[in-house]
N, C-alpha and C. Protein backbone atom coordinates (compact mmCIF):
# COMPACT_ATOMS: atom_id res chain seq x y z
N MET A 1 151.36 -263.77 -4.00
CA MET A 1 150.48 -262.63 -4.16
C MET A 1 150.13 -262.01 -2.82
N ALA A 2 149.91 -262.85 -1.83
CA ALA A 2 149.55 -262.33 -0.52
C ALA A 2 150.67 -261.48 0.07
N LYS A 3 151.91 -261.94 -0.08
CA LYS A 3 153.05 -261.20 0.46
C LYS A 3 153.21 -259.86 -0.25
N SER A 4 153.02 -259.83 -1.55
CA SER A 4 153.16 -258.57 -2.27
C SER A 4 152.03 -257.60 -1.91
N THR A 5 150.86 -258.13 -1.67
CA THR A 5 149.74 -257.28 -1.26
C THR A 5 150.00 -256.69 0.12
N LEU A 6 150.51 -257.50 1.04
CA LEU A 6 150.82 -257.01 2.39
C LEU A 6 151.90 -255.94 2.36
N GLN A 7 152.84 -256.05 1.45
CA GLN A 7 153.90 -255.05 1.36
C GLN A 7 153.37 -253.72 0.84
N LYS A 8 152.29 -253.74 0.08
CA LYS A 8 151.69 -252.51 -0.45
C LYS A 8 150.87 -251.77 0.60
N VAL A 9 150.38 -252.51 1.59
CA VAL A 9 149.58 -251.89 2.65
C VAL A 9 150.49 -251.04 3.52
N PRO A 10 150.12 -249.78 3.79
CA PRO A 10 150.98 -248.95 4.63
C PRO A 10 151.10 -249.52 6.04
N HIS A 11 152.27 -249.35 6.61
CA HIS A 11 152.52 -249.84 7.96
C HIS A 11 151.69 -249.03 8.96
N MET A 12 151.00 -249.73 9.82
CA MET A 12 150.16 -249.04 10.81
C MET A 12 150.97 -248.84 12.08
N SER A 13 150.92 -247.64 12.56
CA SER A 13 151.58 -247.37 13.84
C SER A 13 150.52 -247.08 14.88
N TYR A 14 150.77 -247.52 16.06
CA TYR A 14 149.82 -247.33 17.15
C TYR A 14 150.24 -246.12 17.97
N ASN A 15 149.29 -245.25 18.19
CA ASN A 15 149.56 -244.07 19.02
C ASN A 15 149.19 -244.37 20.45
N VAL A 16 149.97 -243.87 21.34
CA VAL A 16 149.70 -244.05 22.76
C VAL A 16 148.78 -242.91 23.21
N ILE A 17 147.69 -243.29 23.83
CA ILE A 17 146.76 -242.29 24.35
C ILE A 17 146.90 -242.26 25.86
N MET A 18 147.12 -241.08 26.37
CA MET A 18 147.27 -240.92 27.82
C MET A 18 145.94 -241.17 28.51
N PHE A 19 145.99 -241.54 29.77
CA PHE A 19 144.78 -241.83 30.54
C PHE A 19 143.85 -240.63 30.60
N THR A 20 144.41 -239.44 30.83
CA THR A 20 143.56 -238.24 30.95
C THR A 20 142.87 -237.92 29.62
N THR A 21 143.56 -238.13 28.51
CA THR A 21 142.95 -237.90 27.20
C THR A 21 141.84 -238.91 26.95
N HIS A 22 142.11 -240.15 27.27
CA HIS A 22 141.11 -241.21 27.12
C HIS A 22 139.89 -240.92 27.97
N LYS A 23 140.10 -240.52 29.20
CA LYS A 23 139.01 -240.21 30.11
C LYS A 23 138.19 -239.03 29.58
N SER A 24 138.86 -238.03 29.04
CA SER A 24 138.18 -236.86 28.49
C SER A 24 137.33 -237.24 27.28
N LEU A 25 137.85 -238.07 26.40
CA LEU A 25 137.10 -238.50 25.23
C LEU A 25 135.85 -239.29 25.61
N ILE A 26 136.00 -240.18 26.57
CA ILE A 26 134.86 -240.97 27.03
C ILE A 26 133.82 -240.07 27.68
N SER A 27 134.27 -239.12 28.48
CA SER A 27 133.36 -238.19 29.15
C SER A 27 132.56 -237.38 28.14
N LYS A 28 133.22 -236.90 27.09
CA LYS A 28 132.52 -236.13 26.05
C LYS A 28 131.49 -237.00 25.33
N LEU A 29 131.86 -238.24 25.03
CA LEU A 29 130.95 -239.14 24.34
C LEU A 29 129.73 -239.45 25.19
N VAL A 30 129.94 -239.72 26.47
CA VAL A 30 128.84 -240.04 27.37
C VAL A 30 127.92 -238.83 27.53
N THR A 31 128.50 -237.65 27.70
CA THR A 31 127.69 -236.43 27.86
C THR A 31 126.88 -236.15 26.60
N THR A 32 127.48 -236.32 25.43
CA THR A 32 126.76 -236.09 24.18
C THR A 32 125.60 -237.06 24.03
N THR A 33 125.84 -238.32 24.34
CA THR A 33 124.78 -239.34 24.26
C THR A 33 123.67 -239.04 25.24
N TRP A 34 124.04 -238.68 26.46
CA TRP A 34 123.06 -238.35 27.50
C TRP A 34 122.23 -237.14 27.08
N GLN A 35 122.87 -236.13 26.49
CA GLN A 35 122.16 -234.93 26.04
C GLN A 35 121.17 -235.27 24.93
N GLN A 36 121.57 -236.15 24.01
CA GLN A 36 120.65 -236.55 22.94
C GLN A 36 119.43 -237.25 23.50
N HIS A 37 119.61 -238.13 24.47
CA HIS A 37 118.48 -238.81 25.11
C HIS A 37 117.59 -237.80 25.84
N TRP A 38 118.19 -236.83 26.51
CA TRP A 38 117.45 -235.82 27.25
C TRP A 38 116.65 -234.94 26.29
N ASP A 39 117.23 -234.60 25.14
CA ASP A 39 116.54 -233.77 24.15
C ASP A 39 115.36 -234.51 23.52
N ARG A 40 115.49 -235.80 23.32
CA ARG A 40 114.46 -236.60 22.63
C ARG A 40 113.39 -237.16 23.56
N SER A 41 113.64 -237.13 24.84
CA SER A 41 112.72 -237.74 25.80
C SER A 41 111.39 -236.99 25.85
N VAL A 42 110.34 -237.72 26.17
CA VAL A 42 109.03 -237.10 26.35
C VAL A 42 108.69 -236.91 27.83
N CYS A 43 109.51 -237.46 28.69
CA CYS A 43 109.29 -237.36 30.13
C CYS A 43 109.98 -236.11 30.68
N ALA A 44 109.47 -235.61 31.77
CA ALA A 44 110.09 -234.53 32.54
C ALA A 44 110.32 -233.27 31.71
N ARG A 45 109.35 -232.90 30.92
CA ARG A 45 109.52 -231.72 30.06
C ARG A 45 109.53 -230.43 30.86
N THR A 46 108.86 -230.40 32.00
CA THR A 46 108.91 -229.21 32.85
C THR A 46 110.32 -229.00 33.36
N THR A 47 110.95 -230.07 33.79
CA THR A 47 112.34 -229.99 34.24
C THR A 47 113.25 -229.62 33.08
N TYR A 48 112.99 -230.16 31.92
CA TYR A 48 113.80 -229.86 30.73
C TYR A 48 113.74 -228.37 30.39
N GLU A 49 112.57 -227.77 30.56
CA GLU A 49 112.44 -226.34 30.29
C GLU A 49 113.32 -225.51 31.22
N MET A 50 113.47 -225.97 32.45
CA MET A 50 114.29 -225.24 33.41
C MET A 50 115.78 -225.57 33.27
N ILE A 51 116.08 -226.82 32.97
CA ILE A 51 117.47 -227.28 32.88
C ILE A 51 117.63 -228.05 31.56
N PRO A 52 117.81 -227.35 30.43
CA PRO A 52 117.87 -228.05 29.15
C PRO A 52 119.20 -228.74 28.86
N SER A 53 120.27 -228.33 29.51
CA SER A 53 121.56 -228.95 29.20
C SER A 53 121.98 -229.93 30.29
N VAL A 54 122.50 -231.06 29.85
CA VAL A 54 122.97 -232.10 30.74
C VAL A 54 124.23 -231.62 31.45
N GLY A 55 124.33 -231.94 32.72
CA GLY A 55 125.53 -231.59 33.46
C GLY A 55 125.43 -230.26 34.19
N SER A 56 124.33 -229.53 34.00
CA SER A 56 124.15 -228.27 34.72
C SER A 56 123.89 -228.57 36.19
N LYS A 57 124.44 -227.74 37.03
CA LYS A 57 124.26 -227.94 38.46
C LYS A 57 123.47 -226.78 39.03
N ILE A 58 122.56 -227.12 39.91
CA ILE A 58 121.77 -226.11 40.60
C ILE A 58 122.30 -226.00 42.02
N ILE A 59 122.53 -224.79 42.45
CA ILE A 59 122.99 -224.57 43.81
C ILE A 59 121.76 -224.30 44.68
N PHE A 60 121.55 -225.19 45.62
CA PHE A 60 120.40 -225.06 46.51
C PHE A 60 120.78 -224.29 47.76
N PRO A 61 119.82 -223.58 48.35
CA PRO A 61 120.09 -222.89 49.61
C PRO A 61 120.44 -223.89 50.72
N LYS A 62 121.16 -223.42 51.73
CA LYS A 62 121.54 -224.29 52.83
C LYS A 62 120.36 -224.65 53.73
N ASN A 63 119.42 -223.73 53.86
CA ASN A 63 118.23 -224.00 54.66
C ASN A 63 117.38 -225.05 53.93
N ARG A 64 117.12 -226.16 54.60
CA ARG A 64 116.45 -227.29 53.97
C ARG A 64 115.05 -226.95 53.50
N ARG A 65 114.30 -226.23 54.30
CA ARG A 65 112.93 -225.88 53.91
C ARG A 65 112.92 -225.02 52.65
N ILE A 66 113.80 -224.07 52.62
CA ILE A 66 113.88 -223.19 51.45
C ILE A 66 114.34 -223.98 50.23
N ALA A 67 115.27 -224.89 50.41
CA ALA A 67 115.77 -225.71 49.30
C ALA A 67 114.66 -226.59 48.73
N ILE A 68 113.86 -227.19 49.61
CA ILE A 68 112.74 -228.02 49.15
C ILE A 68 111.73 -227.18 48.38
N SER A 69 111.42 -226.02 48.92
CA SER A 69 110.48 -225.13 48.23
C SER A 69 111.02 -224.71 46.87
N TYR A 70 112.31 -224.43 46.81
CA TYR A 70 112.95 -224.04 45.56
C TYR A 70 112.87 -225.16 44.53
N ALA A 71 113.15 -226.38 44.97
CA ALA A 71 113.08 -227.53 44.06
C ALA A 71 111.65 -227.74 43.57
N ARG A 72 110.69 -227.57 44.45
CA ARG A 72 109.30 -227.73 44.06
C ARG A 72 108.88 -226.65 43.06
N LEU A 73 109.39 -225.45 43.25
CA LEU A 73 109.09 -224.39 42.28
C LEU A 73 109.70 -224.71 40.92
N LEU A 74 110.93 -225.20 40.92
CA LEU A 74 111.57 -225.56 39.66
C LEU A 74 110.83 -226.68 38.94
N LEU A 75 110.30 -227.61 39.70
CA LEU A 75 109.62 -228.76 39.12
C LEU A 75 108.13 -228.52 38.88
N ASN A 76 107.69 -227.29 39.16
CA ASN A 76 106.29 -226.90 38.95
C ASN A 76 105.35 -227.80 39.76
N ASP A 77 105.70 -228.04 40.99
CA ASP A 77 104.91 -228.87 41.88
C ASP A 77 103.67 -228.09 42.32
N THR A 78 102.49 -228.58 41.95
CA THR A 78 101.26 -227.85 42.23
C THR A 78 100.86 -227.94 43.70
N THR A 79 101.35 -228.94 44.43
CA THR A 79 100.97 -229.04 45.84
C THR A 79 101.63 -227.95 46.67
N LEU A 80 102.63 -227.30 46.14
CA LEU A 80 103.28 -226.22 46.88
C LEU A 80 102.30 -225.07 47.13
N ARG A 81 101.42 -224.85 46.20
CA ARG A 81 100.43 -223.77 46.34
C ARG A 81 99.48 -224.02 47.50
N ALA A 82 99.18 -225.29 47.77
CA ALA A 82 98.25 -225.63 48.82
C ALA A 82 98.87 -225.51 50.21
N LEU A 83 100.18 -225.59 50.29
CA LEU A 83 100.86 -225.52 51.58
C LEU A 83 101.23 -224.08 51.91
N SER A 84 101.21 -223.78 53.19
CA SER A 84 101.66 -222.44 53.60
C SER A 84 103.09 -222.56 54.07
N ILE A 85 103.94 -221.73 53.54
CA ILE A 85 105.36 -221.74 53.89
C ILE A 85 105.60 -220.71 54.97
N THR A 86 106.20 -221.16 56.06
CA THR A 86 106.48 -220.21 57.15
C THR A 86 107.95 -219.99 57.27
């Protein structure tokens, strides 16, 4: 009976997945999972309002002082108001 049952089961063939395809699939899965955690999180909601999608990149100015001020503005840092920027 076991042999006849095995003969009825369709033969399974294994597909070869290329490295780049495998890497792409894993990347999509990780990004989707990360985005779900980011959407559900209760932390850093100010940052979430500015950057709601995972993987977005912000281009900062080359001048370090301006870049720090820009980051503080994005993060709604209240101490920035107390400092004078020259």
